[in-house]
C-alpha atoms as a PDB file:
ATOM      1  CA  MET A   1      -6.430  -8.466  11.010  1.00  0.00           C
ATOM      2  CA  GLN A   2      -8.314 -11.338   9.390  1.00  0.00           C
ATOM      3  CA  ARG A   3      -5.189 -13.520   9.124  1.00  0.00           C
ATOM      4  CA  LYS A   4      -3.655 -12.481  12.432  1.00  0.00           C
ATOM      5  CA  VAL A   5      -6.659 -12.451  14.732  1.00  0.00           C
ATOM      6  CA  VAL A   6      -9.866 -13.909  13.371  1.00  0.00           C
ATOM      7  CA  THR A   7      -8.427 -17.003  11.648  1.00  0.00           C
ATOM      8  CA  PRO A   8      -8.951 -19.741  12.639  1.00  0.00           C
ATOM      9  CA  ASN A   9     -12.601 -19.059  13.286  1.00  0.00           C
ATOM     10  CA  ASP A  10     -12.860 -21.175  16.430  1.00  0.00           C
ATOM     11  CA  PHE A  11     -14.827 -18.796  18.608  1.00  0.00           C
ATOM     12  CA  THR A  12     -17.700 -20.055  20.731  1.00  0.00           C
ATOM     13  CA  GLY A  13     -19.139 -16.590  21.279  1.00  0.00           C
ATOM     14  CA  LEU A  14     -18.757 -12.875  20.630  1.00  0.00           C
ATOM     15  CA  ASP A  15     -17.003 -12.437  23.983  1.00  0.00           C
ATOM     16  CA  GLN A  16     -14.093 -14.537  22.695  1.00  0.00           C
ATOM     17  CA  VAL A  17     -13.906 -12.477  19.512  1.00  0.00           C
ATOM     18  CA  GLU A  18     -13.831  -9.282  21.552  1.00  0.00           C
ATOM     19  CA  ASP A  19     -11.139 -10.642  23.893  1.00  0.00           C
ATOM     20  CA  ARG A  20      -8.930 -11.717  20.997  1.00  0.00           C
ATOM     21  CA  LEU A  21      -9.324  -8.357  19.231  1.00  0.00           C
ATOM     22  CA  ILE A  22      -8.461  -6.441  22.401  1.00  0.00           C
ATOM     23  CA  ALA A  23      -5.431  -8.686  23.030  1.00  0.00           C
ATOM     24  CA  PHE A  24      -4.235  -8.089  19.465  1.00  0.00           C
ATOM     25  CA  GLU A  25      -4.644  -4.333  19.851  1.00  0.00           C
ATOM     26  CA  ARG A  26      -2.592  -4.325  23.062  1.00  0.00           C
ATOM     27  CA  ARG A  27       0.165  -6.472  21.545  1.00  0.00           C
ATOM     28  CA  TYR A  28       0.270  -4.358  18.404  1.00  0.00           C
ATOM     29  CA  ASN A  29       0.422  -1.078  20.328  1.00  0.00           C
ATOM     30  CA  GLU A  30       3.382  -2.373  22.357  1.00  0.00           C
ATOM     31  CA  THR A  31       5.434  -3.246  19.269  1.00  0.00           C
ATOM     32  CA  ALA A  32       4.233  -0.701  16.695  1.00  0.00           C
ATOM     33  CA  ARG A  33       6.766   1.770  15.356  1.00  0.00           C
ATOM     34  CA  PRO A  34       6.178   4.870  13.249  1.00  0.00           C
ATOM     35  CA  PHE A  35       7.193   4.718   9.612  1.00  0.00           C
ATOM     36  CA  ARG A  36       8.283   7.408   7.191  1.00  0.00           C
ATOM     37  CA  TRP A  37       5.650   8.013   4.546  1.00  0.00           C
ATOM     38  CA  LYS A  38       7.401   8.765   1.247  1.00  0.00           C
ATOM     39  CA  PHE A  39       4.476   9.307  -1.107  1.00  0.00           C
ATOM     40  CA  THR A  40       3.905  13.053  -1.276  1.00  0.00           C
ATOM     41  CA  PRO A  41       1.124  15.138  -2.831  1.00  0.00           C
ATOM     42  CA  ALA A  42       3.602  16.050  -5.586  1.00  0.00           C
ATOM     43  CA  ASP A  43       4.160  12.332  -6.247  1.00  0.00           C
ATOM     44  CA  LEU A  44       0.413  11.876  -6.619  1.00  0.00           C
ATOM     45  CA  GLU A  45       0.222  14.764  -9.059  1.00  0.00           C
ATOM     46  CA  ASP A  46       3.118  13.276 -11.069  1.00  0.00           C
ATOM     47  CA  LEU A  47       1.457   9.887 -11.111  1.00  0.00           C
ATOM     48  CA  MET A  48      -1.876  11.313 -12.210  1.00  0.00           C
ATOM     49  CA  ALA A  49      -0.268  13.499 -14.870  1.00  0.00           C
ATOM     50  CA  GLY A  50       1.706  10.536 -16.185  1.00  0.00           C
ATOM     51  CA  SER A  51      -1.312   8.272 -16.445  1.00  0.00           C
ATOM     52  CA  SER A  52      -3.398  10.867 -18.250  1.00  0.00           C
ATOM     53  CA  ASP A  53      -0.513  11.707 -20.618  1.00  0.00           C
ATOM     54  CA  THR A  54      -0.113   8.037 -21.477  1.00  0.00           C
ATOM     55  CA  ASN A  55      -3.813   7.790 -22.314  1.00  0.00           C
ATOM     56  CA  ARG A  56      -3.625  10.809 -24.637  1.00  0.00           C
ATOM     57  CA  LYS A  57      -0.487   9.752 -26.563  1.00  0.00           C
ATOM     58  CA  SER A  58      -0.766   8.364 -30.040  1.00  0.00           C
ATOM     59  CA  THR A  59      -0.310   4.609 -30.363  1.00  0.00           C
ATOM     60  CA  THR A  60       2.025   5.185 -33.349  1.00  0.00           C
ATOM     61  CA  SER A  61       4.719   6.778 -31.191  1.00  0.00           C
ATOM     62  CA  SER A  62       8.042   4.937 -31.458  1.00  0.00           C
ATOM     63  CA  SER A  63       9.310   6.032 -28.040  1.00  0.00           C
ATOM     64  CA  PRO A  64       8.261   4.147 -24.905  1.00  0.00           C
ATOM     65  CA  PRO A  65       5.925   5.851 -22.442  1.00  0.00           C
ATOM     66  CA  ALA A  66       7.598   8.055 -19.834  1.00  0.00           C
ATOM     67  CA  ALA A  67       6.686   5.625 -17.061  1.00  0.00           C
ATOM     68  CA  ALA A  68       8.692   2.880 -18.799  1.00  0.00           C
ATOM     69  CA  THR A  69      11.871   4.966 -18.994  1.00  0.00           C
ATOM     70  CA  SER A  70      12.008   6.543 -15.551  1.00  0.00           C
ATOM     71  CA  LEU A  71       9.955   5.597 -12.540  1.00  0.00           C
ATOM     72  CA  PRO A  72       9.190   7.960  -9.652  1.00  0.00           C
ATOM     73  CA  HIS A  73      11.047   7.115  -6.435  1.00  0.00           C
ATOM     74  CA  TYR A  74       7.997   5.430  -4.903  1.00  0.00           C
ATOM     75  CA  GLN A  75       7.816   2.966  -7.806  1.00  0.00           C
ATOM     76  CA  GLN A  76      11.522   2.148  -7.949  1.00  0.00           C
ATOM     77  CA  PRO A  77      12.393  -1.471  -7.148  1.00  0.00           C
ATOM     78  CA  ARG A  78      13.604  -1.924  -3.598  1.00  0.00           C
ATOM     79  CA  LYS A  79      17.251  -2.693  -3.090  1.00  0.00           C
ATOM     80  CA  PRO A  80      17.971  -5.900  -1.161  1.00  0.00           C
END
């Protein structure tokens, strides 16, 4: 909101700030679309388990950490 509404800071009073915020809200609500959230509770558990496992592993291990070999779907690079 800072970049889209409040910058540049050329307001002469709080009424102008309020008007611009309300106008932004109306514009946003007209164009907003729902999105599909892909990060699940199971993904969070996997992420947390992976980070704690990495912290517990010995530094003498010759194999790379699990996170380096296969990333969960939410961390996969996006395809163009």
